[in-house]
C-alpha atoms as a PDB file:
ATOM      1  CA  MET A   1      42.420 -85.337 -81.300  1.00  0.00           C
ATOM      2  CA  LYS A   2      40.907 -84.070 -84.535  1.00  0.00           C
ATOM      3  CA  ASN A   3      37.437 -85.011 -83.263  1.00  0.00           C
ATOM      4  CA  SER A   4      37.816 -83.076 -80.036  1.00  0.00           C
ATOM      5  CA  PHE A   5      39.069 -80.021 -81.948  1.00  0.00           C
ATOM      6  CA  TYR A   6      35.938 -80.055 -84.110  1.00  0.00           C
ATOM      7  CA  THR A   7      33.741 -80.533 -81.062  1.00  0.00           C
ATOM      8  CA  VAL A   8      35.313 -77.538 -79.335  1.00  0.00           C
ATOM      9  CA  ALA A   9      35.096 -75.432 -82.497  1.00  0.00           C
ATOM     10  CA  VAL A  10      31.437 -76.258 -83.057  1.00  0.00           C
ATOM     11  CA  THR A  11      30.671 -75.562 -79.395  1.00  0.00           C
ATOM     12  CA  VAL A  12      32.411 -72.184 -79.565  1.00  0.00           C
ATOM     13  CA  LEU A  13      30.541 -71.280 -82.748  1.00  0.00           C
ATOM     14  CA  LEU A  14      27.213 -72.263 -81.194  1.00  0.00           C
ATOM     15  CA  LEU A  15      27.939 -70.226 -78.083  1.00  0.00           C
ATOM     16  CA  MET A  16      28.851 -67.240 -80.230  1.00  0.00           C
ATOM     17  CA  LEU A  17      25.636 -67.564 -82.222  1.00  0.00           C
ATOM     18  CA  LEU A  18      23.554 -67.902 -79.077  1.00  0.00           C
ATOM     19  CA  GLY A  19      25.295 -64.891 -77.610  1.00  0.00           C
ATOM     20  CA  CYS A  20      24.416 -62.850 -80.685  1.00  0.00           C
ATOM     21  CA  VAL A  21      20.830 -63.986 -80.628  1.00  0.00           C
ATOM     22  CA  ALA A  22      20.543 -63.197 -76.940  1.00  0.00           C
ATOM     23  CA  THR A  23      21.721 -59.621 -77.479  1.00  0.00           C
ATOM     24  CA  VAL A  24      19.164 -58.837 -80.166  1.00  0.00           C
ATOM     25  CA  PRO A  25      16.534 -56.652 -78.496  1.00  0.00           C
ATOM     26  CA  THR A  26      13.016 -57.985 -78.494  1.00  0.00           C
ATOM     27  CA  PRO A  27      10.521 -55.546 -79.970  1.00  0.00           C
ATOM     28  CA  GLN A  28       8.277 -54.026 -77.331  1.00  0.00           C
ATOM     29  CA  VAL A  29       4.587 -54.021 -78.071  1.00  0.00           C
ATOM     30  CA  THR A  30       2.711 -51.378 -76.173  1.00  0.00           C
ATOM     31  CA  VAL A  31      -1.014 -51.278 -76.035  1.00  0.00           C
ATOM     32  CA  ALA A  32      -2.452 -47.834 -75.595  1.00  0.00           C
ATOM     33  CA  PRO A  33      -5.061 -47.556 -72.847  1.00  0.00           C
ATOM     34  CA  PRO A  34      -8.568 -47.008 -74.084  1.00  0.00           C
ATOM     35  CA  PRO A  35      -9.363 -43.333 -74.442  1.00  0.00           C
ATOM     36  CA  ALA A  36     -11.197 -41.867 -71.496  1.00  0.00           C
ATOM     37  CA  VAL A  37     -14.841 -41.305 -72.198  1.00  0.00           C
ATOM     38  CA  ALA A  38     -15.899 -37.743 -71.538  1.00  0.00           C
ATOM     39  CA  ILE A  39     -18.073 -37.420 -68.474  1.00  0.00           C
ATOM     40  CA  ASP A  40     -20.772 -35.624 -70.430  1.00  0.00           C
ATOM     41  CA  ARG A  41     -21.327 -38.917 -72.329  1.00  0.00           C
ATOM     42  CA  TRP A  42     -21.815 -40.961 -69.144  1.00  0.00           C
ATOM     43  CA  ALA A  43     -25.634 -40.928 -69.155  1.00  0.00           C
ATOM     44  CA  ASP A  44     -25.710 -41.764 -72.878  1.00  0.00           C
ATOM     45  CA  ASN A  45     -23.385 -44.706 -72.326  1.00  0.00           C
ATOM     46  CA  HIS A  46     -25.277 -45.956 -69.247  1.00  0.00           C
ATOM     47  CA  PRO A  47     -28.918 -44.981 -69.755  1.00  0.00           C
ATOM     48  CA  LYS A  48     -30.479 -47.480 -67.331  1.00  0.00           C
ATOM     49  CA  ALA A  49     -28.032 -46.641 -64.561  1.00  0.00           C
ATOM     50  CA  ALA A  50     -28.492 -42.913 -65.206  1.00  0.00           C
ATOM     51  CA  SER A  51     -32.253 -43.271 -64.987  1.00  0.00           C
ATOM     52  CA  GLU A  52     -32.050 -45.212 -61.735  1.00  0.00           C
ATOM     53  CA  LEU A  53     -29.624 -42.691 -60.256  1.00  0.00           C
ATOM     54  CA  GLY A  54     -32.064 -39.945 -61.204  1.00  0.00           C
ATOM     55  CA  ASN A  55     -34.842 -41.848 -59.406  1.00  0.00           C
ATOM     56  CA  TRP A  56     -32.596 -42.094 -56.350  1.00  0.00           C
ATOM     57  CA  VAL A  57     -32.089 -38.317 -56.421  1.00  0.00           C
ATOM     58  CA  LYS A  58     -35.852 -37.733 -56.749  1.00  0.00           C
ATOM     59  CA  LYS A  59     -36.559 -40.062 -53.844  1.00  0.00           C
ATOM     60  CA  HIS A  60     -33.782 -38.674 -51.591  1.00  0.00           C
ATOM     61  CA  PRO A  61     -33.161 -35.064 -52.690  1.00  0.00           C
ATOM     62  CA  GLN A  62     -31.612 -33.883 -49.411  1.00  0.00           C
ATOM     63  CA  SER A  63     -29.448 -36.963 -49.063  1.00  0.00           C
ATOM     64  CA  ALA A  64     -28.389 -36.759 -52.700  1.00  0.00           C
ATOM     65  CA  GLY A  65     -27.317 -33.164 -52.184  1.00  0.00           C
ATOM     66  CA  LYS A  66     -25.191 -34.235 -49.225  1.00  0.00           C
ATOM     67  CA  PHE A  67     -23.585 -37.034 -51.235  1.00  0.00           C
ATOM     68  CA  PHE A  68     -22.880 -34.642 -54.117  1.00  0.00           C
ATOM     69  CA  GLU A  69     -21.273 -32.238 -51.649  1.00  0.00           C
ATOM     70  CA  TRP A  70     -19.207 -35.048 -50.117  1.00  0.00           C
ATOM     71  CA  ASP A  71     -18.005 -36.173 -53.544  1.00  0.00           C
ATOM     72  CA  GLY A  72     -17.066 -32.577 -54.338  1.00  0.00           C
ATOM     73  CA  THR A  73     -14.929 -32.241 -51.216  1.00  0.00           C
ATOM     74  CA  HIS A  74     -13.678 -35.834 -50.893  1.00  0.00           C
ATOM     75  CA  PRO A  75     -13.674 -37.436 -54.372  1.00  0.00           C
ATOM     76  CA  ASP A  76     -11.099 -40.017 -53.356  1.00  0.00           C
ATOM     77  CA  ARG A  77     -13.259 -41.166 -50.439  1.00  0.00           C
ATOM     78  CA  SER A  78     -16.490 -41.289 -52.403  1.00  0.00           C
ATOM     79  CA  LYS A  79     -14.715 -43.338 -55.077  1.00  0.00           C
ATOM     80  CA  MET A  80     -13.462 -45.702 -52.365  1.00  0.00           C
ATOM     81  CA  PHE A  81     -17.030 -46.010 -51.077  1.00  0.00           C
ATOM     82  CA  VAL A  82     -18.447 -46.946 -54.484  1.00  0.00           C
ATOM     83  CA  THR A  83     -15.546 -49.287 -55.249  1.00  0.00           C
ATOM     84  CA  TRP A  84     -16.006 -50.970 -51.873  1.00  0.00           C
ATOM     85  CA  ALA A  85     -19.738 -51.405 -52.547  1.00  0.00           C
ATOM     86  CA  ILE A  86     -18.958 -53.156 -55.828  1.00  0.00           C
ATOM     87  CA  THR A  87     -16.125 -55.351 -54.567  1.00  0.00           C
ATOM     88  CA  ASN A  88     -17.844 -56.378 -51.323  1.00  0.00           C
ATOM     89  CA  PRO A  89     -21.292 -57.445 -52.503  1.00  0.00           C
ATOM     90  CA  GLY A  90     -22.294 -59.272 -49.333  1.00  0.00           C
ATOM     91  CA  GLU A  91     -21.226 -56.602 -46.857  1.00  0.00           C
ATOM     92  CA  GLY A  92     -23.462 -54.064 -45.162  1.00  0.00           C
ATOM     93  CA  ILE A  93     -22.730 -50.406 -44.752  1.00  0.00           C
ATOM     94  CA  ASP A  94     -21.625 -50.812 -41.127  1.00  0.00           C
ATOM     95  CA  VAL A  95     -18.639 -52.858 -42.300  1.00  0.00           C
ATOM     96  CA  PHE A  96     -17.492 -49.964 -44.481  1.00  0.00           C
ATOM     97  CA  VAL A  97     -17.941 -47.495 -41.623  1.00  0.00           C
ATOM     98  CA  THR A  98     -15.859 -49.707 -39.327  1.00  0.00           C
ATOM     99  CA  GLN A  99     -13.130 -50.087 -41.945  1.00  0.00           C
ATOM    100  CA  HIS A 100     -12.828 -46.318 -42.477  1.00  0.00           C
ATOM    101  CA  PRO A 101     -12.324 -44.601 -39.134  1.00  0.00           C
ATOM    102  CA  GLY A 102     -11.762 -40.864 -39.095  1.00  0.00           C
ATOM    103  CA  TRP A 103     -14.322 -39.878 -41.718  1.00  0.00           C
ATOM    104  CA  PRO A 104     -16.601 -37.580 -39.667  1.00  0.00           C
ATOM    105  CA  TYR A 105     -18.622 -36.183 -42.579  1.00  0.00           C
ATOM    106  CA  PHE A 106     -19.280 -39.702 -43.819  1.00  0.00           C
ATOM    107  CA  TYR A 107     -20.371 -40.792 -40.332  1.00  0.00           C
ATOM    108  CA  GLN A 108     -22.848 -37.920 -40.312  1.00  0.00           C
ATOM    109  CA  LEU A 109     -24.135 -39.052 -43.701  1.00  0.00           C
ATOM    110  CA  MET A 110     -24.633 -42.572 -42.374  1.00  0.00           C
ATOM    111  CA  GLU A 111     -26.351 -41.329 -39.241  1.00  0.00           C
ATOM    112  CA  ASN A 112     -28.745 -38.959 -41.014  1.00  0.00           C
ATOM    113  CA  HIS A 113     -29.069 -40.488 -44.491  1.00  0.00           C
ATOM    114  CA  ARG A 114     -28.648 -44.250 -44.046  1.00  0.00           C
ATOM    115  CA  PRO A 115     -31.538 -45.367 -46.309  1.00  0.00           C
ATOM    116  CA  ALA A 116     -30.220 -43.228 -49.169  1.00  0.00           C
ATOM    117  CA  ALA A 117     -26.675 -44.494 -48.580  1.00  0.00           C
ATOM    118  CA  GLN A 118     -27.868 -48.093 -48.691  1.00  0.00           C
ATOM    119  CA  GLU A 119     -29.745 -47.428 -51.921  1.00  0.00           C
ATOM    120  CA  LEU A 120     -26.625 -45.839 -53.429  1.00  0.00           C
ATOM    121  CA  ILE A 121     -24.700 -48.980 -52.488  1.00  0.00           C
ATOM    122  CA  ASN A 122     -27.375 -51.129 -54.106  1.00  0.00           C
ATOM    123  CA  TRP A 123     -27.300 -48.959 -57.238  1.00  0.00           C
ATOM    124  CA  SER A 124     -23.503 -49.328 -57.452  1.00  0.00           C
ATOM    125  CA  ARG A 125     -23.823 -53.096 -57.163  1.00  0.00           C
ATOM    126  CA  ARG A 126     -26.546 -53.306 -59.826  1.00  0.00           C
ATOM    127  CA  HIS A 127     -24.580 -51.091 -62.235  1.00  0.00           C
ATOM    128  CA  PRO A 128     -20.891 -51.632 -61.454  1.00  0.00           C
ATOM    129  CA  ALA A 129     -19.590 -50.553 -64.873  1.00  0.00           C
ATOM    130  CA  ALA A 130     -21.651 -47.357 -64.803  1.00  0.00           C
ATOM    131  CA  ALA A 131     -20.696 -46.608 -61.197  1.00  0.00           C
ATOM    132  CA  GLU A 132     -17.004 -47.141 -61.905  1.00  0.00           C
ATOM    133  CA  ALA A 133     -17.202 -45.050 -65.074  1.00  0.00           C
ATOM    134  CA  LEU A 134     -18.823 -42.174 -63.181  1.00  0.00           C
ATOM    135  CA  MET A 135     -16.400 -42.387 -60.280  1.00  0.00           C
ATOM    136  CA  SER A 136     -13.379 -42.616 -62.581  1.00  0.00           C
ATOM    137  CA  HIS A 137     -13.847 -38.886 -63.055  1.00  0.00           C
ATOM    138  CA  PRO A 138     -12.862 -36.891 -59.967  1.00  0.00           C
ATOM    139  CA  ARG A 139     -16.061 -35.397 -58.555  1.00  0.00           C
ATOM    140  CA  GLY A 140     -18.090 -37.410 -61.082  1.00  0.00           C
ATOM    141  CA  LEU A 141     -21.022 -37.904 -58.740  1.00  0.00           C
ATOM    142  CA  GLN A 142     -21.108 -34.196 -57.985  1.00  0.00           C
ATOM    143  CA  TRP A 143     -20.950 -33.453 -61.712  1.00  0.00           C
ATOM    144  CA  ALA A 144     -23.931 -35.759 -62.332  1.00  0.00           C
ATOM    145  CA  GLY A 145     -25.837 -34.053 -59.533  1.00  0.00           C
ATOM    146  CA  ASN A 146     -25.157 -30.600 -60.905  1.00  0.00           C
ATOM    147  CA  HIS A 147     -25.645 -31.368 -64.599  1.00  0.00           C
ATOM    148  CA  LEU A 148     -28.112 -34.227 -64.835  1.00  0.00           C
ATOM    149  CA  TYR A 149     -30.239 -34.102 -61.692  1.00  0.00           C
ATOM    150  CA  LYS A 150     -29.981 -30.560 -60.369  1.00  0.00           C
ATOM    151  CA  THR A 151     -33.695 -29.772 -60.740  1.00  0.00           C
ATOM    152  CA  TYR A 152     -34.540 -32.759 -58.546  1.00  0.00           C
ATOM    153  CA  TRP A 153     -32.541 -31.745 -55.502  1.00  0.00           C
ATOM    154  CA  GLU A 154     -31.399 -28.115 -55.559  1.00  0.00           C
ATOM    155  CA  MET A 155     -34.787 -26.628 -54.654  1.00  0.00           C
ATOM    156  CA  LYS A 156     -35.597 -29.307 -52.083  1.00  0.00           C
ATOM    157  CA  GLY A 157     -33.547 -27.679 -49.348  1.00  0.00           C
ATOM    158  CA  MET A 158     -30.234 -29.270 -48.604  1.00  0.00           C
END
C-alpha cells in the first residue's frame, strides 16, 4: 500500500511539473524582412540587367513606350506578366495570353508589339532577380522608362 501511495504521489508531482512547464510561454523570434531597396538604386544593383533593358528600349522605342504606359495603368498585370515569364521558362507568350482573358490592352500589345514582348520575356528570364526587384515596386517598369531610358523612347513617337 505504501508503494502505491508513493507511485501516485510521484505521478501527481510529475504531472504538476509538466503542467507548469507546458504553460511557460515560448519566446517568439521574429525576423524582420529585409529593407526594401529604393527603386532609384535598381540600376546600380543590377547593372547588366539595366544595360540590357536599355538596349531593349533602344531597339523597340515605340513598344517600350507602350509597355511603360501599360505598367503605369496596370502595375498588377505587368507584374503578373513578368512573374509568369520567370516561373514558366518553357512557355511561349501565347500561353500567357490564353491564361489571361479579358486584358484588351495587353492583347493589342501582343498583336502590334509581339517581338518586343518576347524579348521582354527573355530579358525577365535571363535576369529574374533584377526583373522581380524592378516589378516589386508598383509601376517600376514605367519608372525605369521615365527615369533611366526616357531619351531612348520619348522622342521616337509612341
